Amino acid sequence: MGGQGQRSVRDRPGPARLVSSKRVSTARQSASGLGLAAQRSAIDAFAESRGAQVTARFTEVESGRRADRPELAKAVDLARLTGATLVIAKLDPLSRNAAFLLILRDAGVRFLACDMPEANDLNVGIMALVAQQEREAISRRTKEALPAARAAASASAIWTVPPRAATRRQ
C-alpha cells in the first residue's frame, strides 16, 4: 500500500516479513483478551494465507484517538528498519483520526489491514475520513447521552437503598 516502487506482500521473494500491531482501547478489553485474541487470529491467518512470517508483535492498550502511540511507533520503526510490512487486523480501529492514518500511510512503511489487504492509497484515505467521522459521532452521542444517564442514576439511587442500611442509620 505504500508509494511507487514498493512491492506488496505477495510480490516479495521468499517468505514476506510482517510486523503486527494490535490495539484495544481499555484495560478491561485487554484483561478479557478476546479482542486481542481475535486480532492475533486474523493476523496469523492472513500471514499463513500469504506464506508470510510475523517477525514481531506489538500490542497497545490505548484510545484510538490518542496521537502518542508508543507501541505503534515502535512497530512502524521496526518495519521501516527491516523492510517488513506493518500489518493490522482491521483498518478502522488503527486510528479514528484521519490525519494520523494518512501520516502513517505516508511514513514510508508498507502497511496493510487483514480486512482490506488489497486497499490502495485512495481506499485508505477514504476509510480514514470515514473512521474519523465515526469517532466524532461516537463522541457526540456519548456527550448527548451522559445527562440522561446521570439523571437516571440519580433517580434510581434514591430507591435502591437496601432496607438494612436504612434501619442501621436510626
Protein backbone atom coordinates (compact mmCIF):
# COMPACT_ATOMS: atom_id res chain seq x y z
CA MET A 1 0.00 0.00 0.00
CA GLY A 2 2.98 2.27 0.03
CA GLY A 3 4.23 4.61 -2.61
CA GLN A 4 5.51 3.95 -6.09
CA GLY A 5 8.13 1.23 -6.44
CA GLN A 6 7.17 -0.58 -3.24
CA ARG A 7 6.23 -4.20 -3.60
CA SER A 8 3.33 -5.82 -1.85
CA VAL A 9 3.45 -8.81 0.48
CA ARG A 10 2.61 -11.06 -2.48
CA ASP A 11 5.43 -9.71 -4.68
CA ARG A 12 8.38 -10.20 -2.32
CA PRO A 13 10.71 -13.16 -2.94
CA GLY A 14 10.80 -15.71 -0.10
CA PRO A 15 8.60 -15.50 2.94
CA ALA A 16 7.41 -11.95 3.50
CA ARG A 17 8.19 -10.38 6.85
CA LEU A 18 5.34 -8.85 8.81
CA VAL A 19 5.32 -6.72 11.94
CA SER A 20 1.95 -6.91 13.65
CA SER A 21 0.25 -4.22 15.68
CA LYS A 22 -2.79 -4.96 17.84
CA ARG A 23 -4.77 -2.49 19.92
CA VAL A 24 -7.64 -2.40 22.35
CA SER A 25 -8.99 0.76 23.92
CA THR A 26 -9.35 -0.20 27.58
CA ALA A 27 -7.63 -2.23 30.27
CA ARG A 28 -10.87 -4.18 30.66
CA GLN A 29 -10.73 -5.22 26.99
CA SER A 30 -7.08 -6.15 27.44
CA ALA A 31 -7.82 -8.25 30.52
CA SER A 32 -10.55 -10.20 28.73
CA GLY A 33 -8.11 -10.95 25.93
CA LEU A 34 -10.94 -11.55 23.47
CA GLY A 35 -10.29 -8.57 21.21
CA LEU A 36 -6.55 -9.15 21.18
CA ALA A 37 -7.01 -12.87 20.52
CA ALA A 38 -9.34 -12.14 17.60
CA GLN A 39 -6.84 -9.67 16.14
CA ARG A 40 -3.96 -12.10 16.53
CA SER A 41 -6.01 -14.85 14.91
CA ALA A 42 -6.84 -12.62 11.92
CA ILE A 43 -3.19 -11.59 11.51
CA ASP A 44 -1.92 -15.17 11.84
CA ALA A 45 -4.48 -16.45 9.32
CA PHE A 46 -3.51 -13.68 6.90
CA ALA A 47 0.20 -14.45 7.31
CA GLU A 48 -0.41 -18.15 6.72
CA SER A 49 -2.55 -17.49 3.65
CA ARG A 50 0.25 -15.39 2.14
CA GLY A 51 3.14 -17.62 3.23
CA ALA A 52 4.43 -14.73 5.35
CA GLN A 53 6.20 -14.73 8.69
CA VAL A 54 5.26 -12.47 11.61
CA THR A 55 8.68 -11.40 12.91
CA ALA A 56 7.50 -9.09 15.71
CA ARG A 57 4.28 -8.32 17.54
CA PHE A 58 3.30 -5.11 19.28
CA THR A 59 0.25 -4.62 21.50
CA GLU A 60 -1.26 -1.42 22.86
CA VAL A 61 -3.97 -0.58 25.33
CA GLU A 62 -4.66 2.96 24.18
CA SER A 63 -7.54 5.04 22.95
CA GLY A 64 -7.57 5.23 19.17
CA ARG A 65 -7.92 9.00 19.33
CA ARG A 66 -4.53 9.45 21.03
CA ALA A 67 -1.75 10.54 18.71
CA ASP A 68 1.05 9.35 21.02
CA ARG A 69 1.04 5.61 20.48
CA PRO A 70 4.44 4.30 21.65
CA GLU A 71 3.94 0.66 20.68
CA LEU A 72 2.65 1.58 17.24
CA ALA A 73 5.64 3.91 16.83
CA LYS A 74 7.97 1.01 17.70
CA ALA A 75 6.19 -1.24 15.20
CA VAL A 76 6.46 1.40 12.46
CA ASP A 77 10.16 1.97 13.21
CA LEU A 78 10.92 -1.76 13.12
CA ALA A 79 9.00 -2.23 9.88
CA ARG A 80 10.89 0.68 8.33
CA LEU A 81 14.30 -0.59 9.52
CA THR A 82 13.74 -4.19 8.43
CA GLY A 83 11.75 -3.59 5.26
CA ALA A 84 8.86 -5.54 6.76
CA THR A 85 5.19 -4.77 6.19
CA LEU A 86 3.19 -3.44 9.13
CA VAL A 87 0.01 -5.50 9.42
CA ILE A 88 -3.11 -4.80 11.46
CA ALA A 89 -6.28 -6.86 11.76
CA LYS A 90 -8.73 -4.09 10.82
CA LEU A 91 -8.20 -0.69 9.28
CA ASP A 92 -10.73 1.43 11.18
CA PRO A 93 -9.53 0.73 14.76
CA LEU A 94 -5.94 1.68 13.86
CA SER A 95 -6.92 5.26 14.36
CA ARG A 96 -10.11 7.18 14.09
CA ASN A 97 -8.03 10.24 13.27
CA ALA A 98 -7.75 10.76 9.53
CA ALA A 99 -4.60 12.89 9.73
CA PHE A 100 -2.83 10.25 11.83
CA LEU A 101 -3.75 7.42 9.47
CA LEU A 102 -2.70 9.44 6.44
CA ILE A 103 0.61 10.32 8.09
CA LEU A 104 1.16 6.62 8.74
CA ARG A 105 0.33 5.90 5.12
CA ASP A 106 2.97 8.40 4.03
CA ALA A 107 5.64 7.31 6.56
CA GLY A 108 7.47 5.20 4.01
CA VAL A 109 6.36 1.93 5.59
CA ARG A 110 4.22 -0.56 3.76
CA PHE A 111 1.17 -1.41 5.82
CA LEU A 112 -1.99 -3.31 5.26
CA ALA A 113 -5.09 -4.38 7.07
CA CYS A 114 -6.20 -8.02 7.06
CA ASP A 115 -9.79 -6.92 6.45
CA MET A 116 -8.75 -4.89 3.38
CA PRO A 117 -5.48 -6.38 2.10
CA GLU A 118 -5.96 -5.01 -1.42
CA ALA A 119 -6.67 -1.44 -0.30
CA ASN A 120 -4.76 1.25 -2.13
CA ASP A 121 -3.93 4.81 -1.09
CA LEU A 122 -7.33 6.09 -2.24
CA ASN A 123 -9.17 3.44 -0.19
CA VAL A 124 -7.05 4.23 2.87
CA GLY A 125 -7.72 7.94 2.55
CA ILE A 126 -11.47 7.41 2.27
CA MET A 127 -11.52 4.91 5.15
CA ALA A 128 -9.50 7.32 7.30
CA LEU A 129 -12.05 10.06 6.78
CA VAL A 130 -14.97 7.69 7.44
CA ALA A 131 -13.26 6.41 10.61
CA GLN A 132 -12.72 9.96 11.86
CA GLN A 133 -16.37 10.79 11.20
CA GLU A 134 -17.40 7.72 13.20
CA ARG A 135 -15.14 8.73 16.12
CA GLU A 136 -16.72 12.18 16.15
CA ALA A 137 -20.24 10.68 16.00
CA ILE A 138 -19.47 8.32 18.90
CA SER A 139 -18.15 11.23 20.95
CA ARG A 140 -21.22 13.35 20.18
CA ARG A 141 -23.66 10.54 21.05
CA THR A 142 -21.82 9.85 24.30
CA LYS A 143 -21.91 13.52 25.32
CA GLU A 144 -25.61 13.72 24.47
CA ALA A 145 -26.43 10.58 26.47
CA LEU A 146 -24.49 11.47 29.63
CA PRO A 147 -27.02 13.91 31.16
CA ALA A 148 -29.83 11.37 30.77
CA ALA A 149 -27.67 8.60 32.24
CA ARG A 150 -26.71 10.81 35.20
CA ALA A 151 -30.34 11.74 35.82
CA ALA A 152 -31.42 8.09 35.68
CA ALA A 153 -28.62 7.05 38.04
CA SER A 154 -29.50 9.85 40.46
CA ALA A 155 -33.19 8.96 40.45
CA SER A 156 -32.56 5.24 40.90
CA ALA A 157 -30.10 5.86 43.76
CA ILE A 158 -32.95 7.24 45.87
CA TRP A 159 -34.89 4.00 45.58
CA THR A 160 -32.05 1.49 45.78
CA VAL A 161 -31.07 1.93 49.43
CA PRO A 162 -31.15 -1.57 50.91
CA PRO A 163 -33.65 -1.92 53.80
CA ARG A 164 -30.95 -2.96 56.29
CA ALA A 165 -28.85 0.12 55.55
CA ALA A 166 -31.89 2.32 56.18
CA THR A 167 -32.60 0.71 59.56
CA ARG A 168 -28.95 0.89 60.70
CA ARG A 169 -28.96 4.66 60.40
CA GLN A 170 -31.65 5.01 63.04
